[in-house]
Amino acid sequence: MNLQGKKCLIAYFSRNGNNYSSRGIVNLRIGNTEVIAEMVKDVTGGDLFRIDTVKPYPEDYGETTEVAGQELRSNARPAILNHVVDMGAYQVIFLGYPNWWGTMPMAVCTFLEEHDFSGKTIVPFCTHEGSGLGSSVGDIAKLCPWVELADAIAFHGTNVKNARKEVERWIQELQR
């Protein structure tokens, strides 16, 4: 996939505040997925788009996991605050999210179902604390069977601040 001359969107869902890490529960000023999304923006020159829910998740990490688990079990589609005004302007969509319960948060499903990705390439990336991509790439393929999916990558959340070279390498590999 050659990014030359292609307009990129970096759409991501990220949660700051009370989060789980390999060091236990920590308070993140900036969510792990947002840290990676900013790096992808720097490397690609793309536009950032944050996926936010109308109803915020609880401050407490444990309560958030309960809500996220309920959303997954009920196949919920939480309402999102904003929408990409001109999706037609983009050819490549970098899609970032944390791994929640083995896949992407249901708000990312809402985003995918509310936009037309026909003729586009989706490049998934996720942050996690040990569970990798889970079933998220397959779940994206089910929701958007008509798109081209590029090679996905998972970043260990605890290490995102030091992931710049890994992000650069990944994007270089995508272009081969």
C-alpha atoms as a PDB file:
ATOM      1  CA  MET A   1       0.000   0.000   0.000  1.00  0.00           C
ATOM      2  CA  ASN A   2       1.563   3.231  -1.104  1.00  0.00           C
ATOM      3  CA  LEU A   3       0.575   6.263   0.971  1.00  0.00           C
ATOM      4  CA  GLN A   4       2.079   8.694  -1.530  1.00  0.00           C
ATOM      5  CA  GLY A   5      -0.617  11.150  -2.607  1.00  0.00           C
ATOM      6  CA  LYS A   6      -3.276   9.475  -0.441  1.00  0.00           C
ATOM      7  CA  LYS A   7      -5.106  11.396   2.228  1.00  0.00           C
ATOM      8  CA  CYS A   8      -5.054   9.571   5.575  1.00  0.00           C
ATOM      9  CA  LEU A   9      -7.450   9.771   8.489  1.00  0.00           C
ATOM     10  CA  ILE A  10      -6.376   8.523  11.894  1.00  0.00           C
ATOM     11  CA  ALA A  11      -9.640   7.672  13.653  1.00  0.00           C
ATOM     12  CA  TYR A  12      -9.230   6.407  17.192  1.00  0.00           C
ATOM     13  CA  PHE A  13     -11.005   5.646  20.433  1.00  0.00           C
ATOM     14  CA  SER A  14      -8.905   6.145  23.558  1.00  0.00           C
ATOM     15  CA  ARG A  15      -9.557   6.313  27.258  1.00  0.00           C
ATOM     16  CA  ASN A  16      -7.489   8.480  29.565  1.00  0.00           C
ATOM     17  CA  GLY A  17      -7.735   8.494  33.334  1.00  0.00           C
ATOM     18  CA  ASN A  18      -8.002   5.339  35.439  1.00  0.00           C
ATOM     19  CA  ASN A  19      -6.575   2.451  33.332  1.00  0.00           C
ATOM     20  CA  TYR A  20      -5.076  -0.989  33.768  1.00  0.00           C
ATOM     21  CA  SER A  21      -1.397  -1.519  33.022  1.00  0.00           C
ATOM     22  CA  SER A  22       1.179  -4.192  33.735  1.00  0.00           C
ATOM     23  CA  ARG A  23       2.095  -2.009  36.737  1.00  0.00           C
ATOM     24  CA  GLY A  24      -1.471  -2.161  38.070  1.00  0.00           C
ATOM     25  CA  ILE A  25      -4.107   0.571  37.869  1.00  0.00           C
ATOM     26  CA  VAL A  26      -2.582   3.875  36.730  1.00  0.00           C
ATOM     27  CA  ASN A  27      -3.971   7.301  35.951  1.00  0.00           C
ATOM     28  CA  LEU A  28      -3.173   8.234  32.344  1.00  0.00           C
ATOM     29  CA  ARG A  29      -3.244  11.901  31.368  1.00  0.00           C
ATOM     30  CA  ILE A  30      -3.423  10.795  27.716  1.00  0.00           C
ATOM     31  CA  GLY A  31      -4.838   7.395  26.769  1.00  0.00           C
ATOM     32  CA  ASN A  32      -2.470   4.834  25.243  1.00  0.00           C
ATOM     33  CA  THR A  33      -4.279   4.653  21.908  1.00  0.00           C
ATOM     34  CA  GLU A  34      -4.203   8.433  21.589  1.00  0.00           C
ATOM     35  CA  VAL A  35      -0.426   8.388  22.113  1.00  0.00           C
ATOM     36  CA  ILE A  36      -0.039   5.974  19.168  1.00  0.00           C
ATOM     37  CA  ALA A  37      -2.578   7.894  17.053  1.00  0.00           C
ATOM     38  CA  GLU A  38      -0.505  11.067  17.481  1.00  0.00           C
ATOM     39  CA  MET A  39       2.598   9.168  16.328  1.00  0.00           C
ATOM     40  CA  VAL A  40       0.761   7.838  13.264  1.00  0.00           C
ATOM     41  CA  LYS A  41      -0.334  11.409  12.486  1.00  0.00           C
ATOM     42  CA  ASP A  42       3.267  12.628  12.749  1.00  0.00           C
ATOM     43  CA  VAL A  43       4.534   9.898  10.405  1.00  0.00           C
ATOM     44  CA  THR A  44       1.719  10.046   7.818  1.00  0.00           C
ATOM     45  CA  GLY A  45       0.686  13.708   7.972  1.00  0.00           C
ATOM     46  CA  GLY A  46      -2.911  12.499   8.249  1.00  0.00           C
ATOM     47  CA  ASP A  47      -5.841  14.086  10.040  1.00  0.00           C
ATOM     48  CA  LEU A  48      -6.836  13.017  13.560  1.00  0.00           C
ATOM     49  CA  PHE A  49     -10.402  12.112  14.468  1.00  0.00           C
ATOM     50  CA  ARG A  50     -11.243  11.094  18.029  1.00  0.00           C
ATOM     51  CA  ILE A  51     -14.191   8.745  18.490  1.00  0.00           C
ATOM     52  CA  ASP A  52     -15.993   9.837  21.675  1.00  0.00           C
ATOM     53  CA  THR A  53     -19.198   8.472  23.124  1.00  0.00           C
ATOM     54  CA  VAL A  54     -22.161  10.673  23.995  1.00  0.00           C
ATOM     55  CA  LYS A  55     -22.339   8.995  27.399  1.00  0.00           C
ATOM     56  CA  PRO A  56     -18.855   8.947  28.952  1.00  0.00           C
ATOM     57  CA  TYR A  57     -17.552   5.756  30.496  1.00  0.00           C
ATOM     58  CA  PRO A  58     -17.206   5.721  34.298  1.00  0.00           C
ATOM     59  CA  GLU A  59     -14.073   7.216  35.854  1.00  0.00           C
ATOM     60  CA  ASP A  60     -13.307   3.945  37.658  1.00  0.00           C
ATOM     61  CA  TYR A  61     -11.494   1.349  35.545  1.00  0.00           C
ATOM     62  CA  GLY A  62     -13.401  -1.608  37.040  1.00  0.00           C
ATOM     63  CA  GLU A  63     -16.757   0.056  36.390  1.00  0.00           C
ATOM     64  CA  THR A  64     -15.686   0.832  32.812  1.00  0.00           C
ATOM     65  CA  THR A  65     -14.816  -2.822  32.190  1.00  0.00           C
ATOM     66  CA  GLU A  66     -18.256  -3.822  33.490  1.00  0.00           C
ATOM     67  CA  VAL A  67     -19.982  -1.391  31.125  1.00  0.00           C
ATOM     68  CA  ALA A  68     -17.763  -2.486  28.214  1.00  0.00           C
ATOM     69  CA  GLY A  69     -18.527  -6.152  28.927  1.00  0.00           C
ATOM     70  CA  GLN A  70     -22.272  -5.464  29.001  1.00  0.00           C
ATOM     71  CA  GLU A  71     -22.003  -3.556  25.702  1.00  0.00           C
ATOM     72  CA  LEU A  72     -20.143  -6.447  24.085  1.00  0.00           C
ATOM     73  CA  ARG A  73     -22.592  -9.096  25.341  1.00  0.00           C
ATOM     74  CA  SER A  74     -25.577  -7.085  24.086  1.00  0.00           C
ATOM     75  CA  ASN A  75     -23.815  -6.083  20.825  1.00  0.00           C
ATOM     76  CA  ALA A  76     -24.567  -2.462  21.753  1.00  0.00           C
ATOM     77  CA  ARG A  77     -23.790   0.519  19.557  1.00  0.00           C
ATOM     78  CA  PRO A  78     -23.144   3.436  21.907  1.00  0.00           C
ATOM     79  CA  ALA A  79     -23.952   6.795  20.359  1.00  0.00           C
ATOM     80  CA  ILE A  80     -20.885   8.777  19.340  1.00  0.00           C
ATOM     81  CA  LEU A  81     -20.481  12.537  19.653  1.00  0.00           C
ATOM     82  CA  ASN A  82     -19.098  13.473  16.264  1.00  0.00           C
ATOM     83  CA  HIS A  83     -18.804  12.189  12.738  1.00  0.00           C
ATOM     84  CA  VAL A  84     -16.335  12.620   9.908  1.00  0.00           C
ATOM     85  CA  VAL A  85     -17.846  15.330   7.723  1.00  0.00           C
ATOM     86  CA  ASP A  86     -16.246  14.242   4.432  1.00  0.00           C
ATOM     87  CA  MET A  87     -15.187  10.605   4.580  1.00  0.00           C
ATOM     88  CA  GLY A  88     -14.948  10.709   0.787  1.00  0.00           C
ATOM     89  CA  ALA A  89     -11.826  12.850   1.091  1.00  0.00           C
ATOM     90  CA  TYR A  90      -9.836   9.976   2.625  1.00  0.00           C
ATOM     91  CA  GLN A  91      -8.404   6.896   0.947  1.00  0.00           C
ATOM     92  CA  VAL A  92      -6.687   5.333   3.974  1.00  0.00           C
ATOM     93  CA  ILE A  93      -8.185   5.079   7.455  1.00  0.00           C
ATOM     94  CA  PHE A  94      -5.868   4.199  10.325  1.00  0.00           C
ATOM     95  CA  LEU A  95      -8.266   2.854  12.963  1.00  0.00           C
ATOM     96  CA  GLY A  96      -7.035   2.776  16.567  1.00  0.00           C
ATOM     97  CA  TYR A  97      -8.618   1.374  19.696  1.00  0.00           C
ATOM     98  CA  PRO A  98      -7.787  -0.382  22.960  1.00  0.00           C
ATOM     99  CA  ASN A  99      -8.476  -4.109  23.208  1.00  0.00           C
ATOM    100  CA  TRP A 100     -11.527  -4.397  25.436  1.00  0.00           C
ATOM    101  CA  TRP A 101     -12.769  -7.900  26.177  1.00  0.00           C
ATOM    102  CA  GLY A 102     -10.815  -9.379  23.266  1.00  0.00           C
ATOM    103  CA  THR A 103     -11.948  -6.931  20.584  1.00  0.00           C
ATOM    104  CA  MET A 104     -12.500  -3.243  19.938  1.00  0.00           C
ATOM    105  CA  PRO A 105     -14.868  -1.115  22.046  1.00  0.00           C
ATOM    106  CA  MET A 106     -18.420  -1.104  20.746  1.00  0.00           C
ATOM    107  CA  ALA A 107     -18.150   2.643  20.036  1.00  0.00           C
ATOM    108  CA  VAL A 108     -15.677   1.739  17.267  1.00  0.00           C
ATOM    109  CA  CYS A 109     -18.355  -0.537  15.789  1.00  0.00           C
ATOM    110  CA  THR A 110     -20.737   2.435  15.863  1.00  0.00           C
ATOM    111  CA  PHE A 111     -18.144   4.502  13.991  1.00  0.00           C
ATOM    112  CA  LEU A 112     -17.634   1.787  11.362  1.00  0.00           C
ATOM    113  CA  GLU A 113     -21.363   1.353  10.793  1.00  0.00           C
ATOM    114  CA  GLU A 114     -22.087   5.094  10.576  1.00  0.00           C
ATOM    115  CA  HIS A 115     -19.616   5.829   7.767  1.00  0.00           C
ATOM    116  CA  ASP A 116     -19.184   4.582   4.210  1.00  0.00           C
ATOM    117  CA  PHE A 117     -15.762   3.008   3.738  1.00  0.00           C
ATOM    118  CA  SER A 118     -16.339   1.774   0.184  1.00  0.00           C
ATOM    119  CA  GLY A 119     -13.108   1.764  -1.824  1.00  0.00           C
ATOM    120  CA  LYS A 120     -10.991   2.594   1.220  1.00  0.00           C
ATOM    121  CA  THR A 121      -8.217   0.816   3.069  1.00  0.00           C
ATOM    122  CA  ILE A 122      -8.556   0.388   6.819  1.00  0.00           C
ATOM    123  CA  VAL A 123      -5.337  -0.030   8.787  1.00  0.00           C
ATOM    124  CA  PRO A 124      -6.144  -1.293  12.309  1.00  0.00           C
ATOM    125  CA  PHE A 125      -3.967  -0.699  15.351  1.00  0.00           C
ATOM    126  CA  CYS A 126      -4.690  -1.398  18.971  1.00  0.00           C
ATOM    127  CA  THR A 127      -3.227  -1.022  22.409  1.00  0.00           C
ATOM    128  CA  HIS A 128      -3.393  -3.784  24.985  1.00  0.00           C
ATOM    129  CA  GLU A 129      -1.824  -5.115  28.149  1.00  0.00           C
ATOM    130  CA  GLY A 130      -1.235  -8.664  26.929  1.00  0.00           C
ATOM    131  CA  SER A 131      -4.127  -9.681  24.701  1.00  0.00           C
ATOM    132  CA  GLY A 132      -2.871  -8.325  21.369  1.00  0.00           C
ATOM    133  CA  LEU A 133      -5.368  -7.719  18.599  1.00  0.00           C
ATOM    134  CA  GLY A 134      -7.799 -10.356  19.872  1.00  0.00           C
ATOM    135  CA  SER A 135     -10.623 -10.866  17.367  1.00  0.00           C
ATOM    136  CA  SER A 136     -10.766  -7.186  16.401  1.00  0.00           C
ATOM    137  CA  VAL A 137      -9.416  -7.503  12.851  1.00  0.00           C
ATOM    138  CA  GLY A 138     -11.897 -10.272  12.035  1.00  0.00           C
ATOM    139  CA  ASP A 139     -14.661  -8.205  13.615  1.00  0.00           C
ATOM    140  CA  ILE A 140     -13.743  -5.229  11.416  1.00  0.00           C
ATOM    141  CA  ALA A 141     -13.803  -7.507   8.361  1.00  0.00           C
ATOM    142  CA  LYS A 142     -17.322  -8.676   9.304  1.00  0.00           C
ATOM    143  CA  LEU A 143     -18.580  -5.115   9.742  1.00  0.00           C
ATOM    144  CA  CYS A 144     -16.882  -3.800   6.575  1.00  0.00           C
ATOM    145  CA  PRO A 145     -16.507  -6.747   4.169  1.00  0.00           C
ATOM    146  CA  TRP A 146     -16.083  -4.450   1.154  1.00  0.00           C
ATOM    147  CA  VAL A 147     -12.919  -2.679   2.394  1.00  0.00           C
ATOM    148  CA  GLU A 148      -9.300  -3.629   2.022  1.00  0.00           C
ATOM    149  CA  LEU A 149      -7.728  -4.364   5.393  1.00  0.00           C
ATOM    150  CA  ALA A 150      -4.015  -3.661   5.719  1.00  0.00           C
ATOM    151  CA  ASP A 151      -1.713  -5.400   8.180  1.00  0.00           C
ATOM    152  CA  ALA A 152      -2.758  -4.586  11.728  1.00  0.00           C
ATOM    153  CA  ILE A 153      -0.465  -4.072  14.691  1.00  0.00           C
ATOM    154  CA  ALA A 154      -0.870  -4.237  18.454  1.00  0.00           C
ATOM    155  CA  PHE A 155       1.124  -2.039  20.839  1.00  0.00           C
ATOM    156  CA  HIS A 156       1.660  -2.956  24.470  1.00  0.00           C
ATOM    157  CA  GLY A 157       0.059  -0.108  26.395  1.00  0.00           C
ATOM    158  CA  THR A 158       2.753   0.153  29.025  1.00  0.00           C
ATOM    159  CA  ASN A 159       5.333   0.815  26.282  1.00  0.00           C
ATOM    160  CA  VAL A 160       3.490   3.293  24.029  1.00  0.00           C
ATOM    161  CA  LYS A 161       5.602   6.290  24.975  1.00  0.00           C
ATOM    162  CA  ASN A 162       8.635   4.444  23.551  1.00  0.00           C
ATOM    163  CA  ALA A 163       6.890   3.084  20.440  1.00  0.00           C
ATOM    164  CA  ARG A 164       7.850   5.794  17.922  1.00  0.00           C
ATOM    165  CA  LYS A 165      10.388   3.636  16.043  1.00  0.00           C
ATOM    166  CA  GLU A 166       7.950   0.696  16.013  1.00  0.00           C
ATOM    167  CA  VAL A 167       5.247   2.960  14.515  1.00  0.00           C
ATOM    168  CA  GLU A 168       7.670   4.206  11.851  1.00  0.00           C
ATOM    169  CA  ARG A 169       8.781   0.652  10.997  1.00  0.00           C
ATOM    170  CA  TRP A 170       5.180  -0.568  10.766  1.00  0.00           C
ATOM    171  CA  ILE A 171       4.160   2.245   8.400  1.00  0.00           C
ATOM    172  CA  GLN A 172       7.252   1.654   6.255  1.00  0.00           C
ATOM    173  CA  GLU A 173       6.376  -2.060   6.058  1.00  0.00           C
ATOM    174  CA  LEU A 174       2.812  -1.201   5.018  1.00  0.00           C
ATOM    175  CA  GLN A 175       4.184   0.666   2.009  1.00  0.00           C
ATOM    176  CA  ARG A 176       6.202  -2.241   0.622  1.00  0.00           C
END
